[in-house]
Amino acid sequence: MREQPIGEAVEDDERANAAIDTLLEDIRHLRHQLALTEGAMRRGMTRGWRPIYDRD
């Protein structure tokens, strides 16, 4: 296994953190969109279905 220079390791960590931050922001956005959709739809349209925000 090749040892990474410290600069490369730091860059890899920064990339990973940026990717995680982007994914978390996507989750926030999609949850907001789901909440808006839930508020806009009529009950009869979905026969009482309500979204679940967390995975099982």
PDB file of N, CA and C in Angstrom:
ATOM      1  N   MET A   1       0.847  -1.180   0.000  1.00  0.00           N
ATOM      2  CA  MET A   1       0.000   0.000   0.000  1.00  0.00           C
ATOM      3  C   MET A   1       0.889   1.239   0.000  1.00  0.00           C
ATOM      4  N   ARG A   2       0.570   2.148  -0.869  1.00  0.00           N
ATOM      5  CA  ARG A   2       1.365   3.368  -1.018  1.00  0.00           C
ATOM      6  C   ARG A   2       0.912   4.404  -0.003  1.00  0.00           C
ATOM      7  N   GLU A   3       1.865   5.022   0.638  1.00  0.00           N
ATOM      8  CA  GLU A   3       1.546   6.093   1.588  1.00  0.00           C
ATOM      9  C   GLU A   3       1.259   7.368   0.819  1.00  0.00           C
ATOM     10  N   GLN A   4       0.188   8.068   1.216  1.00  0.00           N
ATOM     11  CA  GLN A   4      -0.155   9.329   0.573  1.00  0.00           C
ATOM     12  C   GLN A   4       0.587  10.466   1.252  1.00  0.00           C
ATOM     13  N   PRO A   5       1.083  11.391   0.466  1.00  0.00           N
ATOM     14  CA  PRO A   5       1.620  12.595   1.090  1.00  0.00           C
ATOM     15  C   PRO A   5       0.498  13.323   1.824  1.00  0.00           C
ATOM     16  N   ILE A   6       0.841  14.050   2.849  1.00  0.00           N
ATOM     17  CA  ILE A   6      -0.159  14.714   3.681  1.00  0.00           C
ATOM     18  C   ILE A   6      -1.061  15.634   2.859  1.00  0.00           C
ATOM     19  N   GLY A   7      -0.506  16.329   1.895  1.00  0.00           N
ATOM     20  CA  GLY A   7      -1.300  17.230   1.058  1.00  0.00           C
ATOM     21  C   GLY A   7      -2.402  16.496   0.310  1.00  0.00           C
ATOM     22  N   GLU A   8      -2.083  15.298  -0.212  1.00  0.00           N
ATOM     23  CA  GLU A   8      -3.090  14.498  -0.924  1.00  0.00           C
ATOM     24  C   GLU A   8      -4.176  14.018   0.029  1.00  0.00           C
ATOM     25  N   ALA A   9      -3.793  13.607   1.213  1.00  0.00           N
ATOM     26  CA  ALA A   9      -4.770  13.126   2.190  1.00  0.00           C
ATOM     27  C   ALA A   9      -5.731  14.249   2.587  1.00  0.00           C
ATOM     28  N   VAL A  10      -5.199  15.434   2.772  1.00  0.00           N
ATOM     29  CA  VAL A  10      -6.034  16.580   3.126  1.00  0.00           C
ATOM     30  C   VAL A  10      -6.994  16.905   1.985  1.00  0.00           C
ATOM     31  N   GLU A  11      -6.484  16.868   0.737  1.00  0.00           N
ATOM     32  CA  GLU A  11      -7.344  17.131  -0.412  1.00  0.00           C
ATOM     33  C   GLU A  11      -8.445  16.085  -0.527  1.00  0.00           C
ATOM     34  N   ASP A  12      -8.111  14.811  -0.270  1.00  0.00           N
ATOM     35  CA  ASP A  12      -9.120  13.750  -0.306  1.00  0.00           C
ATOM     36  C   ASP A  12     -10.181  13.982   0.761  1.00  0.00           C
ATOM     37  N   ASP A  13      -9.767  14.367   1.958  1.00  0.00           N
ATOM     38  CA  ASP A  13     -10.721  14.652   3.032  1.00  0.00           C
ATOM     39  C   ASP A  13     -11.618  15.826   2.672  1.00  0.00           C
ATOM     40  N   GLU A  14     -11.044  16.855   2.065  1.00  0.00           N
ATOM     41  CA  GLU A  14     -11.836  18.026   1.668  1.00  0.00           C
ATOM     42  C   GLU A  14     -12.856  17.654   0.603  1.00  0.00           C
ATOM     43  N   ARG A  15     -12.451  16.810  -0.348  1.00  0.00           N
ATOM     44  CA  ARG A  15     -13.376  16.355  -1.393  1.00  0.00           C
ATOM     45  C   ARG A  15     -14.503  15.529  -0.781  1.00  0.00           C
ATOM     46  N   ALA A  16     -14.153  14.641   0.134  1.00  0.00           N
ATOM     47  CA  ALA A  16     -15.164  13.802   0.783  1.00  0.00           C
ATOM     48  C   ALA A  16     -16.140  14.667   1.576  1.00  0.00           C
ATOM     49  N   ASN A  17     -15.613  15.630   2.317  1.00  0.00           N
ATOM     50  CA  ASN A  17     -16.491  16.515   3.090  1.00  0.00           C
ATOM     51  C   ASN A  17     -17.391  17.338   2.179  1.00  0.00           C
ATOM     52  N   ALA A  18     -16.857  17.796   1.052  1.00  0.00           N
ATOM     53  CA  ALA A  18     -17.666  18.567   0.092  1.00  0.00           C
ATOM     54  C   ALA A  18     -18.769  17.686  -0.495  1.00  0.00           C
ATOM     55  N   ALA A  19     -18.446  16.436  -0.796  1.00  0.00           N
ATOM     56  CA  ALA A  19     -19.448  15.519  -1.340  1.00  0.00           C
ATOM     57  C   ALA A  19     -20.548  15.258  -0.315  1.00  0.00           C
ATOM     58  N   ILE A  20     -20.171  15.054   0.940  1.00  0.00           N
ATOM     59  CA  ILE A  20     -21.151  14.816   2.001  1.00  0.00           C
ATOM     60  C   ILE A  20     -22.026  16.044   2.203  1.00  0.00           C
ATOM     61  N   ASP A  21     -21.418  17.224   2.205  1.00  0.00           N
ATOM     62  CA  ASP A  21     -22.190  18.466   2.345  1.00  0.00           C
ATOM     63  C   ASP A  21     -23.196  18.625   1.210  1.00  0.00           C
ATOM     64  N   THR A  22     -22.777  18.297  -0.008  1.00  0.00           N
ATOM     65  CA  THR A  22     -23.673  18.387  -1.157  1.00  0.00           C
ATOM     66  C   THR A  22     -24.846  17.423  -1.013  1.00  0.00           C
ATOM     67  N   LEU A  23     -24.564  16.205  -0.590  1.00  0.00           N
ATOM     68  CA  LEU A  23     -25.635  15.223  -0.401  1.00  0.00           C
ATOM     69  C   LEU A  23     -26.609  15.650   0.689  1.00  0.00           C
ATOM     70  N   LEU A  24     -26.094  16.189   1.779  1.00  0.00           N
ATOM     71  CA  LEU A  24     -26.975  16.663   2.852  1.00  0.00           C
ATOM     72  C   LEU A  24     -27.854  17.815   2.386  1.00  0.00           C
ATOM     73  N   GLU A  25     -27.291  18.705   1.581  1.00  0.00           N
ATOM     74  CA  GLU A  25     -28.074  19.816   1.030  1.00  0.00           C
ATOM     75  C   GLU A  25     -29.148  19.292   0.081  1.00  0.00           C
ATOM     76  N   ASP A  26     -28.831  18.272  -0.704  1.00  0.00           N
ATOM     77  CA  ASP A  26     -29.830  17.649  -1.581  1.00  0.00           C
ATOM     78  C   ASP A  26     -30.977  17.046  -0.769  1.00  0.00           C
ATOM     79  N   ILE A  27     -30.637  16.393   0.339  1.00  0.00           N
ATOM     80  CA  ILE A  27     -31.660  15.805   1.206  1.00  0.00           C
ATOM     81  C   ILE A  27     -32.570  16.897   1.764  1.00  0.00           C
ATOM     82  N   ARG A  28     -31.977  17.990   2.242  1.00  0.00           N
ATOM     83  CA  ARG A  28     -32.789  19.095   2.774  1.00  0.00           C
ATOM     84  C   ARG A  28     -33.737  19.635   1.703  1.00  0.00           C
ATOM     85  N   HIS A  29     -33.205  19.830   0.499  1.00  0.00           N
ATOM     86  CA  HIS A  29     -34.011  20.357  -0.596  1.00  0.00           C
ATOM     87  C   HIS A  29     -35.167  19.414  -0.933  1.00  0.00           C
ATOM     88  N   LEU A  30     -34.881  18.110  -1.050  1.00  0.00           N
ATOM     89  CA  LEU A  30     -35.919  17.153  -1.404  1.00  0.00           C
ATOM     90  C   LEU A  30     -36.974  17.020  -0.310  1.00  0.00           C
ATOM     91  N   ARG A  31     -36.555  17.077   0.949  1.00  0.00           N
ATOM     92  CA  ARG A  31     -37.541  17.047   2.042  1.00  0.00           C
ATOM     93  C   ARG A  31     -38.434  18.278   2.002  1.00  0.00           C
ATOM     94  N   HIS A  32     -37.858  19.429   1.677  1.00  0.00           N
ATOM     95  CA  HIS A  32     -38.644  20.659   1.566  1.00  0.00           C
ATOM     96  C   HIS A  32     -39.643  20.538   0.411  1.00  0.00           C
ATOM     97  N   GLN A  33     -39.192  20.012  -0.720  1.00  0.00           N
ATOM     98  CA  GLN A  33     -40.078  19.824  -1.863  1.00  0.00           C
ATOM     99  C   GLN A  33     -41.209  18.849  -1.527  1.00  0.00           C
ATOM    100  N   LEU A  34     -40.905  17.794  -0.793  1.00  0.00           N
ATOM    101  CA  LEU A  34     -41.917  16.822  -0.391  1.00  0.00           C
ATOM    102  C   LEU A  34     -42.934  17.459   0.544  1.00  0.00           C
ATOM    103  N   ALA A  35     -42.462  18.288   1.471  1.00  0.00           N
ATOM    104  CA  ALA A  35     -43.376  18.978   2.388  1.00  0.00           C
ATOM    105  C   ALA A  35     -44.285  19.937   1.622  1.00  0.00           C
ATOM    106  N   LEU A  36     -43.750  20.660   0.647  1.00  0.00           N
ATOM    107  CA  LEU A  36     -44.573  21.556  -0.167  1.00  0.00           C
ATOM    108  C   LEU A  36     -45.620  20.776  -0.962  1.00  0.00           C
ATOM    109  N   THR A  37     -45.202  19.661  -1.536  1.00  0.00           N
ATOM    110  CA  THR A  37     -46.124  18.830  -2.317  1.00  0.00           C
ATOM    111  C   THR A  37     -47.224  18.280  -1.421  1.00  0.00           C
ATOM    112  N   GLU A  38     -46.847  17.815  -0.236  1.00  0.00           N
ATOM    113  CA  GLU A  38     -47.833  17.280   0.702  1.00  0.00           C
ATOM    114  C   GLU A  38     -48.867  18.348   1.042  1.00  0.00           C
ATOM    115  N   GLY A  39     -48.416  19.580   1.248  1.00  0.00           N
ATOM    116  CA  GLY A  39     -49.345  20.648   1.592  1.00  0.00           C
ATOM    117  C   GLY A  39     -50.235  21.054   0.438  1.00  0.00           C
ATOM    118  N   ALA A  40     -49.770  20.850  -0.791  1.00  0.00           N
ATOM    119  CA  ALA A  40     -50.524  21.300  -1.958  1.00  0.00           C
ATOM    120  C   ALA A  40     -51.529  20.268  -2.475  1.00  0.00           C
ATOM    121  N   MET A  41     -51.317  19.002  -2.204  1.00  0.00           N
ATOM    122  CA  MET A  41     -52.214  18.004  -2.771  1.00  0.00           C
ATOM    123  C   MET A  41     -53.452  17.797  -1.910  1.00  0.00           C
ATOM    124  N   ARG A  42     -54.508  17.407  -2.593  1.00  0.00           N
ATOM    125  CA  ARG A  42     -55.758  17.133  -1.885  1.00  0.00           C
ATOM    126  C   ARG A  42     -55.715  15.724  -1.312  1.00  0.00           C
ATOM    127  N   ARG A  43     -56.478  15.529  -0.255  1.00  0.00           N
ATOM    128  CA  ARG A  43     -56.545  14.199   0.377  1.00  0.00           C
ATOM    129  C   ARG A  43     -57.096  13.145  -0.579  1.00  0.00           C
ATOM    130  N   GLY A  44     -58.141  13.468  -1.312  1.00  0.00           N
ATOM    131  CA  GLY A  44     -58.753  12.497  -2.202  1.00  0.00           C
ATOM    132  C   GLY A  44     -57.826  12.037  -3.313  1.00  0.00           C
ATOM    133  N   MET A  45     -56.885  12.877  -3.669  1.00  0.00           N
ATOM    134  CA  MET A  45     -55.948  12.542  -4.733  1.00  0.00           C
ATOM    135  C   MET A  45     -55.074  11.349  -4.374  1.00  0.00           C
ATOM    136  N   THR A  46     -54.773  11.206  -3.126  1.00  0.00           N
ATOM    137  CA  THR A  46     -53.831  10.171  -2.701  1.00  0.00           C
ATOM    138  C   THR A  46     -54.465   9.118  -1.804  1.00  0.00           C
ATOM    139  N   ARG A  47     -55.763   9.227  -1.604  1.00  0.00           N
ATOM    140  CA  ARG A  47     -56.503   8.272  -0.760  1.00  0.00           C
ATOM    141  C   ARG A  47     -55.885   8.124   0.627  1.00  0.00           C
ATOM    142  N   GLY A  48     -55.505   9.248   1.202  1.00  0.00           N
ATOM    143  CA  GLY A  48     -55.012   9.248   2.575  1.00  0.00           C
ATOM    144  C   GLY A  48     -53.525   8.987   2.728  1.00  0.00           C
ATOM    145  N   TRP A  49     -52.817   8.790   1.620  1.00  0.00           N
ATOM    146  CA  TRP A  49     -51.378   8.537   1.700  1.00  0.00           C
ATOM    147  C   TRP A  49     -50.660   9.759   2.241  1.00  0.00           C
ATOM    148  N   ARG A  50     -49.703   9.524   3.110  1.00  0.00           N
ATOM    149  CA  ARG A  50     -48.851  10.606   3.625  1.00  0.00           C
ATOM    150  C   ARG A  50     -47.407  10.166   3.465  1.00  0.00           C
ATOM    151  N   PRO A  51     -46.534  11.069   3.069  1.00  0.00           N
ATOM    152  CA  PRO A  51     -45.128  10.693   2.879  1.00  0.00           C
ATOM    153  C   PRO A  51     -44.446  10.367   4.196  1.00  0.00           C
ATOM    154  N   ILE A  52     -43.450   9.517   4.103  1.00  0.00           N
ATOM    155  CA  ILE A  52     -42.590   9.188   5.239  1.00  0.00           C
ATOM    156  C   ILE A  52     -41.240   9.823   4.979  1.00  0.00           C
ATOM    157  N   TYR A  53     -40.772  10.628   5.893  1.00  0.00           N
ATOM    158  CA  TYR A  53     -39.550  11.380   5.669  1.00  0.00           C
ATOM    159  C   TYR A  53     -38.282  10.605   5.982  1.00  0.00           C
ATOM    160  N   ASP A  54     -38.378   9.548   6.774  1.00  0.00           N
ATOM    161  CA  ASP A  54     -37.189   8.772   7.122  1.00  0.00           C
ATOM    162  C   ASP A  54     -37.297   7.377   6.528  1.00  0.00           C
ATOM    163  N   ARG A  55     -36.153   6.818   6.174  1.00  0.00           N
ATOM    164  CA  ARG A  55     -36.126   5.449   5.653  1.00  0.00           C
ATOM    165  C   ARG A  55     -36.304   4.470   6.790  1.00  0.00           C
ATOM    166  N   ASP A  56     -36.739   3.271   6.436  1.00  0.00           N
ATOM    167  CA  ASP A  56     -36.888   2.200   7.447  1.00  0.00           C
ATOM    168  C   ASP A  56     -35.566   1.651   7.844  1.00  0.00           C
TER     169      ASP A  56
END
